Amino acid sequence: MTQPPITITADEVNCLIHAYFEDSGFQHSAFVLRAEGQLDRSPHINKHVARGELVYLLSKALLYTEVEAHWRGNAMTSNCKAPFSLLDQHTCSLDPNLPPIATFNPPIPPEAVPVSLNGTTEKRKGGALEVDESQRNKRARTEDSMDLDSTTSTAPQTKPSTPVPLMPIDGALSVAQRHPRTRPPEEITDLNAVSLLKGHKTEVFVCAWNPVDANKLATGSKDTIVHLWNLHPSEGGGPITSDPPLALDNLSKTTQGDITSLDWNPAGTLLAVGSYNATLQVCTPSSELYFSREQHEGPIFATRFSKSGRWLLTASLDGSVCVWDIPAKELHRQYKNHEACCLDVDWISDDLFASCGADGKIHVLRLKSAVPVKTLIGHASEVNQIKFNSSKGLLASCSDDHTARIWSMHDLLIPDAPAMPAKVLEGHEGTVSSVMWQPKTPEEEHALLATIFRHHMSIMGYRYWRMSTCLQGSPTVDIYPIMECGRPVTRDW
C-alpha cells in the first residue's frame, strides 16, 4: 500500500507563526508577517489554529527526535541523561554513576549498513554550496542525523606509558536477546572476535589500513581528528591490544570539519586526509604534518594516491578535481569539468585518471591537459563511485539510477584497440552506492565485482558479478551475477 505524501508549504508555516505571534501578543510582528507573506491571499488564513499549535507541533517533533536518537536501546541510549533541545544538537551521555558498558549488536543481514573500509565515506553533499535536497542527503549524514547518536566518553584516559587493552564486545549475548531463535554455533559471535578501539570522542566516519604495515590503522571522526593506531594482535586468537593512538588534529576547528576520506600512498609513508571543511592534509605515520592546503571551495569527498605515489587526486563538492604534486608539495592542476559536485576519482594509469559526479558523467583526463580525453555517458542519474581494475582494463561505476556499468579502457591503454560500449549491470532494487573489485585478480582468472545497493533507504543488499576479459585477451566482456545478499543467483542466459 502506497503511503500518502507528506507536504509542508511555506504558506502553512507562515500561518502557524502568525497565529503564534498573535497568541503571544506580538501584534506588530504579526502585522508585518501578514503583509510580507501576503497571508490575506492564503486559503489557510481563515482556518482556526488552536492556541499554542506551533509549540505543540514542535514538541511532537522533539519527541520524534528523541525516539530517533534512542531507538537502539543499548546501555548508552537507555541511560542517557542529556536533554533534548530545538536549537542544540543532542549528544548522548551516560549517568556518571553507571559503569561503562560496551555492547555489540550485529545487524540482521537485510538491514546491514555498509561500512567504508577503503577510506572514503559515502557521498556527502550540502553545506558549503547550494545543492538540491535530493543531493544533500547523499554522501554523509546531515548535521541532524550525524549528531543523533553522538556519544560523550566518560571513561578515564589511559596513561600513554602502557599499552591500551581493547575491550571485547559482548556480541553473542545481545544477539541471543534480540533474536531468540535457534542459531547454529558457527553464527554466534566469539567474545574475542571483536575488539573496541577507544579514543575518538565523536562519530568515526572513515578508516584505512596501511598497505605496507598490516598493524597500522588510520581512523577519522567528526571532530576533525585522525587517530593512527599501532595494533598488537595476540597469539592464539586473544584480545588485540594497541598503543595509545597518535592524533593528527591540525585541521581547523569548524562546525563541519568531519573527516571524509583517508588514503595511504602505496609505500605506506604518507596519509592523505580530506575533510568537510575543504582542507587537504598529508601526514606521516608518526602524525607529523607533511603539507596542508585549502584549494577547494567545498567539502572534499575523495583522496586517491597514484600507484607511483607522486600524484594525489582530490574530488570536491565544488565540482572540481585537483591533482597534487606530492614531492613538490604543490598543486599541479585543478580540473573543472563537472556541471555539479564531483563525487569520486580513481587512477587508470600514472598519467590518466577518471572522475564522476552528480551530473551523471564520467570524465577521463590526462595530467597534461585540462580537457577530457573521453567522457562516458550512460547513467541516468548521479554517479556515486568509480573503481578501476588494472589487470582487466575495466572501469566500474555505480549510480542512483539503480545500475552499475562496466566501461572498457582498452582503447586508451592499448594501441589501436577498438572502443567498446558499456555493459549495464541491472537488477538492483535501489540506489547503487558502492562498487568494489576483488583485489589482486590473476590475469588468467575471472574478475569479481561487488555492488551495494540501498532498498527503501534502510535495507542494504549486494551483488557479486563476474567479468571475463583482460588487457592481453579478447576485448569481449562476459558479465553475469553469481550471488545476491548471500544467496546464489541463477544464470538463465
Protein backbone atom coordinates (compact mmCIF):
# COMPACT_ATOMS: atom_id res chain seq x y z
CA MET A 1 0.00 0.00 0.00
CA THR A 2 1.41 3.37 -1.06
CA GLN A 3 1.89 5.84 1.78
CA PRO A 4 0.18 9.22 1.33
CA PRO A 5 2.59 12.09 0.61
CA ILE A 6 3.58 14.44 3.43
CA THR A 7 3.62 18.07 2.33
CA ILE A 8 4.61 21.20 4.22
CA THR A 9 4.20 24.53 2.44
CA ALA A 10 5.71 27.87 3.34
CA ASP A 11 2.19 29.29 3.44
CA GLU A 12 1.15 26.84 6.18
CA VAL A 13 4.28 27.60 8.20
CA ASN A 14 3.66 31.35 7.91
CA CYS A 15 0.09 30.91 9.14
CA LEU A 16 1.29 28.90 12.14
CA ILE A 17 3.87 31.56 13.02
CA HIS A 18 1.27 34.31 12.52
CA ALA A 19 -1.07 32.57 14.98
CA TYR A 20 1.81 32.16 17.46
CA PHE A 21 2.62 35.88 17.23
CA GLU A 22 -0.99 36.82 17.90
CA ASP A 23 -1.28 34.38 20.82
CA SER A 24 1.93 35.81 22.32
CA GLY A 25 0.85 39.43 21.94
CA PHE A 26 3.37 40.30 19.23
CA GLN A 27 0.84 42.30 17.23
CA HIS A 28 3.35 44.33 15.24
CA SER A 29 5.29 41.21 14.22
CA ALA A 30 2.04 39.50 13.26
CA PHE A 31 1.04 42.52 11.11
CA VAL A 32 4.40 42.58 9.31
CA LEU A 33 4.34 38.83 8.64
CA ARG A 34 0.75 39.06 7.36
CA ALA A 35 1.71 41.84 4.94
CA GLU A 36 5.06 40.46 3.69
CA GLY A 37 3.77 36.89 3.49
CA GLN A 38 0.61 38.04 1.68
CA LEU A 39 -1.43 35.92 4.07
CA ASP A 40 -4.65 37.71 3.12
CA ARG A 41 -4.48 35.74 -0.14
CA SER A 42 -3.80 32.47 1.65
CA PRO A 43 -6.55 29.84 1.73
CA HIS A 44 -5.40 28.99 5.28
CA ILE A 45 -5.68 32.43 6.88
CA ASN A 46 -9.32 31.90 7.93
CA LYS A 47 -8.75 28.43 9.30
CA HIS A 48 -8.94 28.03 13.05
CA VAL A 49 -5.48 27.44 14.56
CA ALA A 50 -5.65 26.21 18.12
CA ARG A 51 -3.84 28.26 20.74
CA GLY A 52 -0.26 27.02 21.14
CA GLU A 53 -0.48 24.86 18.00
CA LEU A 54 3.05 25.74 16.85
CA VAL A 55 4.55 24.87 20.23
CA TYR A 56 2.56 21.63 20.28
CA LEU A 57 3.85 20.57 16.85
CA LEU A 58 7.45 21.44 17.79
CA SER A 59 7.16 19.40 20.98
CA LYS A 60 5.96 16.39 18.94
CA ALA A 61 8.91 16.85 16.60
CA LEU A 62 11.24 16.87 19.60
CA LEU A 63 9.71 13.62 20.86
CA TYR A 64 10.28 12.07 17.44
CA THR A 65 13.90 13.24 17.57
CA GLU A 66 14.28 11.53 20.94
CA VAL A 67 12.90 8.26 19.56
CA GLU A 68 15.15 8.52 16.51
CA ALA A 69 18.20 9.07 18.71
CA HIS A 70 17.43 6.34 21.26
CA TRP A 71 15.87 3.57 19.16
CA ARG A 72 18.80 1.20 19.66
CA GLY A 73 18.03 0.65 23.33
CA ASN A 74 21.64 -0.10 24.31
CA ALA A 75 23.39 0.90 27.50
CA MET A 76 24.23 4.38 26.22
CA THR A 77 20.78 5.33 24.96
CA SER A 78 18.83 3.62 27.76
CA ASN A 79 20.73 5.56 30.44
CA CYS A 80 21.17 8.84 28.56
CA LYS A 81 20.78 11.87 30.82
CA ALA A 82 21.43 14.57 28.23
CA PRO A 83 18.48 16.90 27.45
CA PHE A 84 16.88 17.49 24.06
CA SER A 85 16.60 20.99 22.64
CA LEU A 86 15.22 22.58 19.48
CA LEU A 87 18.42 24.53 18.86
CA ASP A 88 21.18 22.41 20.38
CA GLN A 89 22.36 19.13 18.90
CA HIS A 90 21.76 16.16 21.18
CA THR A 91 24.79 14.24 22.44
CA CYS A 92 24.14 11.09 24.45
CA SER A 93 25.95 10.91 27.78
CA LEU A 94 25.82 8.20 30.40
CA ASP A 95 24.86 8.64 34.02
CA PRO A 96 28.31 9.02 35.65
CA ASN A 97 27.21 6.65 38.44
CA LEU A 98 26.79 3.77 35.97
CA PRO A 99 29.74 1.59 34.87
CA PRO A 100 30.75 1.86 31.19
CA ILE A 101 29.30 -0.97 29.10
CA ALA A 102 30.17 -1.89 25.52
CA THR A 103 27.59 -3.91 23.61
CA PHE A 104 27.90 -5.16 20.07
CA ASN A 105 24.64 -5.68 18.20
CA PRO A 106 25.37 -7.24 14.80
CA PRO A 107 22.63 -6.16 12.38
CA ILE A 108 20.43 -8.64 10.58
CA PRO A 109 21.82 -9.12 7.02
CA PRO A 110 18.86 -7.49 5.17
CA GLU A 111 19.25 -4.39 7.35
CA ALA A 112 23.02 -4.19 7.18
CA VAL A 113 24.57 -0.78 6.62
CA PRO A 114 27.80 -0.69 4.58
CA VAL A 115 30.92 0.42 6.43
CA SER A 116 33.60 2.18 4.45
CA LEU A 117 36.81 0.17 4.60
CA ASN A 118 38.57 1.90 1.72
CA GLY A 119 38.96 5.21 3.48
CA THR A 120 36.08 7.02 1.84
CA THR A 121 32.65 7.83 3.18
CA GLU A 122 29.53 7.75 1.11
CA LYS A 123 28.54 10.87 -0.77
CA ARG A 124 28.45 13.95 1.40
CA LYS A 125 26.59 16.84 -0.12
CA GLY A 126 25.36 20.12 1.20
CA GLY A 127 26.83 22.70 3.49
CA ALA A 128 29.40 24.69 1.56
CA LEU A 129 27.48 25.11 -1.71
CA GLU A 130 23.79 25.24 -2.53
CA VAL A 131 22.51 21.94 -3.88
CA ASP A 132 19.02 20.49 -4.05
CA GLU A 133 17.66 18.37 -1.23
CA SER A 134 17.96 15.12 -3.20
CA GLN A 135 21.72 15.69 -3.27
CA ARG A 136 22.05 16.95 0.28
CA ASN A 137 21.45 13.53 1.83
CA LYS A 138 23.93 11.59 -0.30
CA ARG A 139 27.46 11.27 0.91
CA ALA A 140 27.02 11.94 4.56
CA ARG A 141 24.60 12.21 7.23
CA THR A 142 23.16 15.70 7.56
CA GLU A 143 24.03 17.75 10.62
CA ASP A 144 20.98 16.45 12.48
CA SER A 145 21.44 12.77 11.69
CA MET A 146 25.16 12.85 12.39
CA ASP A 147 24.60 14.11 15.90
CA LEU A 148 21.71 11.91 16.96
CA ASP A 149 23.89 9.13 18.34
CA SER A 150 26.93 11.15 19.28
CA THR A 151 28.49 9.96 22.50
CA THR A 152 30.47 11.70 25.15
CA SER A 153 33.13 9.46 26.64
CA THR A 154 33.11 9.21 30.43
CA ALA A 155 35.86 6.62 30.68
CA PRO A 156 39.14 7.79 32.28
CA GLN A 157 42.06 8.47 29.99
CA THR A 158 44.62 5.68 29.72
CA LYS A 159 48.17 6.56 30.62
CA PRO A 160 50.31 6.68 27.46
CA SER A 161 53.10 4.68 29.08
CA THR A 162 51.24 1.36 28.93
CA PRO A 163 49.54 -0.44 26.02
CA VAL A 164 45.79 0.00 25.82
CA PRO A 165 43.82 -3.28 26.06
CA LEU A 166 40.97 -3.36 23.58
CA MET A 167 37.62 -4.16 25.17
CA PRO A 168 35.98 -7.35 23.82
CA ILE A 169 32.43 -6.60 22.78
CA ASP A 170 29.69 -8.91 24.01
CA GLY A 171 28.06 -9.80 20.72
CA ALA A 172 26.68 -13.27 21.45
CA LEU A 173 24.53 -12.16 24.38
CA SER A 174 22.95 -9.22 22.58
CA VAL A 175 22.20 -11.30 19.50
CA ALA A 176 20.56 -14.01 21.61
CA GLN A 177 18.45 -11.43 23.43
CA ARG A 178 17.32 -9.64 20.27
CA HIS A 179 16.81 -12.77 18.18
CA PRO A 180 15.98 -15.72 20.45
CA ARG A 181 15.55 -18.11 17.52
CA THR A 182 17.93 -21.06 17.48
CA ARG A 183 21.18 -20.39 15.64
CA PRO A 184 23.92 -22.76 14.52
CA PRO A 185 27.04 -22.48 16.72
CA GLU A 186 29.09 -21.01 13.85
CA GLU A 187 26.72 -17.99 13.64
CA ILE A 188 27.28 -16.92 17.27
CA THR A 189 29.89 -14.20 17.66
CA ASP A 190 33.01 -15.20 19.56
CA LEU A 191 33.54 -12.90 22.55
CA ASN A 192 37.15 -12.34 21.49
CA ALA A 193 36.37 -11.85 17.79
CA VAL A 194 35.64 -8.11 18.09
CA SER A 195 37.70 -5.54 19.95
CA LEU A 196 36.99 -1.89 20.62
CA LEU A 197 39.45 0.91 19.89
CA LYS A 198 38.68 3.68 22.37
CA GLY A 199 39.99 7.14 21.65
CA HIS A 200 37.62 9.18 19.49
CA LYS A 201 35.14 11.46 21.23
CA THR A 202 32.65 11.69 18.35
CA GLU A 203 31.41 9.56 15.45
CA VAL A 204 34.05 7.78 13.38
CA PHE A 205 33.31 8.09 9.66
CA VAL A 206 36.26 6.54 7.78
CA CYS A 207 39.20 4.21 8.28
CA ALA A 208 42.12 2.97 6.15
CA TRP A 209 44.72 0.25 6.68
CA ASN A 210 48.36 0.94 5.92
CA PRO A 211 49.19 -1.04 2.72
CA VAL A 212 52.67 -2.00 3.96
CA ASP A 213 52.34 -2.34 7.74
CA ALA A 214 49.27 -4.50 8.34
CA ASN A 215 49.12 -3.48 12.01
CA LYS A 216 48.73 0.26 11.35
CA LEU A 217 45.22 1.68 11.05
CA ALA A 218 44.05 5.26 10.47
CA THR A 219 40.60 6.40 11.60
CA GLY A 220 38.89 9.76 11.11
CA SER A 221 35.99 11.27 13.04
CA LYS A 222 33.58 14.17 13.02
CA ASP A 223 35.73 16.32 15.32
CA THR A 224 38.43 16.70 12.58
CA ILE A 225 40.83 14.34 14.41
CA VAL A 226 42.65 11.45 12.75
CA HIS A 227 43.96 8.68 15.01
CA LEU A 228 46.83 6.45 13.95
CA TRP A 229 46.71 3.09 15.73
CA ASN A 230 49.56 0.61 16.14
CA LEU A 231 47.86 -2.72 16.80
CA HIS A 232 49.32 -5.79 18.52
CA PRO A 233 47.48 -8.99 17.54
CA SER A 234 47.79 -11.63 20.23
CA GLU A 235 48.81 -15.19 19.57
CA GLY A 236 46.12 -17.81 19.95
CA GLY A 237 43.24 -15.51 18.97
CA GLY A 238 43.08 -13.49 22.20
CA PRO A 239 42.06 -9.82 22.51
CA ILE A 240 44.00 -7.34 20.40
CA THR A 241 45.93 -4.58 22.15
CA SER A 242 47.04 -1.20 20.86
CA ASP A 243 49.48 1.52 21.72
CA PRO A 244 47.86 4.86 22.60
CA PRO A 245 46.85 6.36 19.24
CA LEU A 246 48.80 9.17 17.64
CA ALA A 247 46.46 12.06 16.92
CA LEU A 248 46.57 14.35 13.93
CA ASP A 249 44.41 17.31 14.95
CA ASN A 250 45.95 20.18 12.99
CA LEU A 251 42.80 20.75 10.96
CA SER A 252 40.98 24.00 11.59
CA LYS A 253 38.21 23.57 14.14
CA THR A 254 34.97 24.36 12.37
CA THR A 255 31.36 23.39 12.92
CA GLN A 256 31.60 20.98 9.96
CA GLY A 257 35.11 19.57 9.91
CA ASP A 258 34.22 15.89 9.52
CA ILE A 259 36.95 13.66 8.13
CA THR A 260 35.53 12.42 4.82
CA SER A 261 38.39 10.50 3.20
CA LEU A 262 41.63 8.72 4.12
CA ASP A 263 44.11 7.24 1.63
CA TRP A 264 47.64 5.88 2.11
CA ASN A 265 50.29 6.13 -0.58
CA PRO A 266 51.48 2.72 -1.89
CA ALA A 267 54.64 2.87 0.23
CA GLY A 268 52.62 3.46 3.41
CA THR A 269 54.71 6.52 4.26
CA LEU A 270 52.08 9.25 3.72
CA LEU A 271 48.39 9.53 4.58
CA ALA A 272 46.09 11.90 2.68
CA VAL A 273 43.21 13.32 4.75
CA GLY A 274 40.19 15.00 3.17
CA SER A 275 37.65 16.88 5.27
CA TYR A 276 34.26 18.53 5.09
CA ASN A 277 35.79 21.97 5.59
CA ALA A 278 37.62 21.71 2.21
CA THR A 279 41.05 21.22 3.81
CA LEU A 280 43.53 18.68 2.46
CA GLN A 281 46.25 17.39 4.77
CA VAL A 282 49.03 14.91 4.14
CA CYS A 283 50.82 13.45 7.16
CA THR A 284 53.33 10.75 8.04
CA PRO A 285 52.67 7.58 10.09
CA SER A 286 54.20 9.36 13.06
CA SER A 287 51.41 12.02 12.79
CA GLU A 288 53.80 14.72 11.53
CA LEU A 289 52.22 17.12 9.04
CA TYR A 290 53.79 16.84 5.56
CA PHE A 291 51.76 19.64 3.99
CA SER A 292 48.29 21.20 4.11
CA ARG A 293 46.30 23.13 1.50
CA GLU A 294 42.86 24.74 1.12
CA GLN A 295 42.38 24.87 -2.65
CA HIS A 296 38.81 23.58 -2.90
CA GLU A 297 35.76 25.72 -2.18
CA GLY A 298 33.65 22.87 -0.85
CA PRO A 299 33.93 19.59 1.10
CA ILE A 300 36.46 17.05 -0.17
CA PHE A 301 34.78 13.73 -0.95
CA ALA A 302 37.70 11.56 -2.10
CA THR A 303 41.50 11.38 -1.99
CA ARG A 304 43.50 8.95 -4.18
CA PHE A 305 47.25 8.42 -4.49
CA SER A 306 48.65 7.26 -7.82
CA LYS A 307 50.48 3.92 -7.95
CA SER A 308 53.84 5.68 -8.08
CA GLY A 309 52.92 7.83 -5.09
CA ARG A 310 53.95 11.02 -6.84
CA TRP A 311 50.43 12.32 -7.58
CA LEU A 312 47.37 12.76 -5.42
CA LEU A 313 43.78 13.32 -6.58
CA THR A 314 41.10 15.14 -4.59
CA ALA A 315 37.40 15.41 -5.54
CA SER A 316 35.15 18.11 -4.12
CA LEU A 317 31.60 19.39 -3.81
CA ASP A 318 32.69 22.45 -5.80
CA GLY A 319 32.74 20.23 -8.92
CA SER A 320 36.50 20.26 -9.38
CA VAL A 321 39.33 17.75 -9.22
CA CYS A 322 42.77 18.75 -8.01
CA VAL A 323 46.00 16.93 -8.86
CA TRP A 324 48.75 17.47 -6.31
CA ASP A 325 52.48 17.02 -6.86
CA ILE A 326 53.48 15.29 -3.63
CA PRO A 327 57.31 15.68 -3.80
CA ALA A 328 56.91 19.38 -4.68
CA LYS A 329 54.08 19.86 -2.12
CA GLU A 330 52.12 21.97 -4.58
CA LEU A 331 49.07 21.97 -6.83
CA HIS A 332 49.75 20.59 -10.31
CA ARG A 333 46.39 21.46 -11.90
CA GLN A 334 42.74 22.00 -10.99
CA TYR A 335 40.19 20.44 -13.38
CA LYS A 336 36.71 21.96 -13.57
CA ASN A 337 34.76 19.72 -15.92
CA HIS A 338 31.69 18.63 -13.93
CA GLU A 339 28.50 20.66 -14.02
CA ALA A 340 27.67 19.61 -10.44
CA CYS A 341 29.64 18.26 -7.50
CA CYS A 342 32.42 15.74 -8.15
CA LEU A 343 31.85 12.63 -6.04
CA ASP A 344 34.74 10.27 -6.72
CA VAL A 345 38.03 9.84 -8.58
CA ASP A 346 40.32 6.93 -9.44
CA TRP A 347 43.58 6.37 -11.29
CA ILE A 348 43.71 4.41 -14.55
CA SER A 349 47.46 4.83 -15.06
CA ASP A 350 50.06 7.15 -13.59
CA ASP A 351 49.08 9.94 -16.02
CA LEU A 352 45.46 9.01 -16.67
CA PHE A 353 42.55 9.25 -14.23
CA ALA A 354 38.73 9.30 -14.14
CA SER A 355 36.24 11.41 -12.20
CA CYS A 356 32.48 11.08 -11.70
CA GLY A 357 29.86 13.48 -10.47
CA ALA A 358 26.26 14.39 -9.77
CA ASP A 359 25.85 15.41 -13.42
CA GLY A 360 25.79 11.70 -14.36
CA LYS A 361 29.03 11.93 -16.34
CA ILE A 362 32.41 10.22 -16.04
CA HIS A 363 35.38 12.15 -17.41
CA VAL A 364 38.71 10.55 -18.28
CA LEU A 365 41.59 13.04 -18.19
CA ARG A 366 45.36 13.20 -18.56
CA LEU A 367 47.69 15.16 -16.33
CA LYS A 368 48.96 17.34 -19.19
CA SER A 369 45.54 18.54 -20.38
CA ALA A 370 42.53 20.14 -18.71
CA VAL A 371 40.19 18.82 -21.43
CA PRO A 372 38.81 15.28 -21.01
CA VAL A 373 40.19 12.76 -23.49
CA LYS A 374 36.97 10.79 -23.09
CA THR A 375 33.56 11.37 -21.48
CA LEU A 376 31.49 8.32 -20.56
CA ILE A 377 27.75 8.98 -20.80
CA GLY A 378 25.09 6.41 -19.98
CA HIS A 379 23.98 6.77 -16.39
CA ALA A 380 20.62 8.48 -15.99
CA SER A 381 21.41 9.96 -12.57
CA GLU A 382 24.28 10.79 -10.24
CA VAL A 383 27.35 8.58 -10.44
CA ASN A 384 28.29 7.74 -6.88
CA GLN A 385 31.56 5.84 -7.18
CA ILE A 386 34.08 4.54 -9.72
CA LYS A 387 36.73 1.81 -9.39
CA PHE A 388 39.35 0.76 -11.95
CA ASN A 389 40.61 -2.82 -12.34
CA SER A 390 44.15 -2.54 -13.70
CA SER A 391 44.55 -6.24 -14.51
CA LYS A 392 41.42 -6.30 -16.68
CA GLY A 393 41.45 -2.74 -18.01
CA LEU A 394 37.88 -2.15 -16.83
CA LEU A 395 36.30 0.80 -15.02
CA ALA A 396 33.26 0.09 -12.84
CA SER A 397 30.73 2.79 -11.92
CA CYS A 398 27.52 2.88 -9.89
CA SER A 399 24.65 5.32 -9.84
CA ASP A 400 21.38 6.46 -8.35
CA ASP A 401 19.69 5.06 -11.48
CA HIS A 402 19.80 1.58 -9.84
CA THR A 403 22.52 0.31 -12.18
CA ALA A 404 26.23 -0.28 -12.27
CA ARG A 405 28.21 -0.16 -15.50
CA ILE A 406 31.45 -1.62 -16.80
CA TRP A 407 33.48 0.58 -19.15
CA SER A 408 36.42 -0.72 -21.18
CA MET A 409 39.55 1.43 -21.08
CA HIS A 410 41.34 -0.72 -23.71
CA ASP A 411 41.14 1.98 -26.38
CA LEU A 412 43.12 4.32 -24.09
CA LEU A 413 45.62 1.75 -22.83
CA ILE A 414 46.27 -0.49 -25.87
CA PRO A 415 47.34 0.97 -29.23
CA ASP A 416 44.71 0.53 -31.98
CA ALA A 417 42.28 -1.18 -29.59
CA PRO A 418 38.64 -0.54 -30.57
CA ALA A 419 36.22 1.33 -28.33
CA MET A 420 33.58 -0.82 -26.68
CA PRO A 421 30.09 0.02 -25.41
CA ALA A 422 29.45 -0.14 -21.69
CA LYS A 423 27.95 -3.22 -20.08
CA VAL A 424 24.98 -2.44 -17.81
CA LEU A 425 24.55 -4.37 -14.56
CA GLU A 426 20.84 -4.34 -13.71
CA GLY A 427 18.65 -5.98 -11.10
CA HIS A 428 19.39 -3.72 -8.13
CA GLU A 429 16.34 -2.73 -6.10
CA GLY A 430 17.56 0.75 -5.23
CA THR A 431 20.37 3.29 -5.42
CA VAL A 432 23.73 1.59 -6.04
CA SER A 433 26.05 3.36 -3.63
CA SER A 434 29.31 1.44 -3.91
CA VAL A 435 31.31 -0.89 -6.15
CA MET A 436 34.44 -2.85 -5.30
CA TRP A 437 36.66 -5.14 -7.36
CA GLN A 438 38.15 -8.28 -5.88
CA PRO A 439 41.77 -7.29 -5.10
CA LYS A 440 44.73 -8.79 -6.96
CA THR A 441 42.84 -10.83 -9.53
CA PRO A 442 45.23 -13.02 -11.63
CA GLU A 443 45.12 -12.16 -15.33
CA GLU A 444 44.01 -15.66 -16.32
CA GLU A 445 41.06 -15.72 -13.90
CA HIS A 446 37.67 -14.04 -13.91
CA ALA A 447 37.33 -10.73 -12.09
CA LEU A 448 34.74 -10.41 -9.34
CA LEU A 449 32.86 -7.17 -8.72
CA ALA A 450 30.65 -6.44 -5.70
CA THR A 451 27.88 -3.84 -5.92
CA ILE A 452 26.00 -2.47 -2.92
CA PHE A 453 22.53 -1.00 -3.27
CA ARG A 454 20.04 0.67 -0.95
CA HIS A 455 16.46 -0.57 -0.82
CA HIS A 456 13.76 1.59 0.76
CA MET A 457 16.51 3.78 2.27
CA SER A 458 17.24 1.29 5.06
CA ILE A 459 17.78 -2.24 3.74
CA MET A 460 21.15 -2.84 2.14
CA GLY A 461 21.85 -5.53 -0.44
CA TYR A 462 24.78 -6.59 -2.51
CA ARG A 463 25.55 -8.47 -5.70
CA TYR A 464 28.65 -10.22 -6.98
CA TRP A 465 29.39 -10.05 -10.71
CA ARG A 466 31.95 -11.99 -12.76
CA MET A 467 33.94 -10.45 -15.61
CA SER A 468 35.97 -12.46 -18.14
CA THR A 469 38.28 -10.12 -20.01
CA CYS A 470 41.87 -8.94 -19.64
CA LEU A 471 44.18 -6.49 -21.34
CA GLN A 472 46.04 -9.15 -23.30
CA GLY A 473 42.98 -11.25 -24.13
CA SER A 474 39.84 -10.87 -26.16
CA PRO A 475 38.05 -7.49 -25.85
CA THR A 476 34.73 -9.27 -25.28
CA VAL A 477 33.21 -9.00 -21.83
CA ASP A 478 31.02 -11.71 -20.31
CA ILE A 479 29.21 -10.38 -17.24
CA TYR A 480 26.72 -12.20 -15.07
CA PRO A 481 25.60 -12.12 -11.44
CA ILE A 482 26.68 -15.05 -9.26
CA MET A 483 25.41 -14.06 -5.79
CA GLU A 484 22.99 -11.61 -4.18
CA CYS A 485 22.61 -10.96 -0.45
CA GLY A 486 24.40 -14.22 0.34
CA ARG A 487 22.20 -16.29 -2.00
CA PRO A 488 23.39 -17.77 -5.34
CA VAL A 489 21.86 -16.14 -8.42
CA THR A 490 20.82 -18.42 -11.27
CA ARG A 491 22.01 -17.53 -14.74
CA ASP A 492 19.42 -18.01 -17.50
CA TRP A 493 21.33 -16.50 -20.42
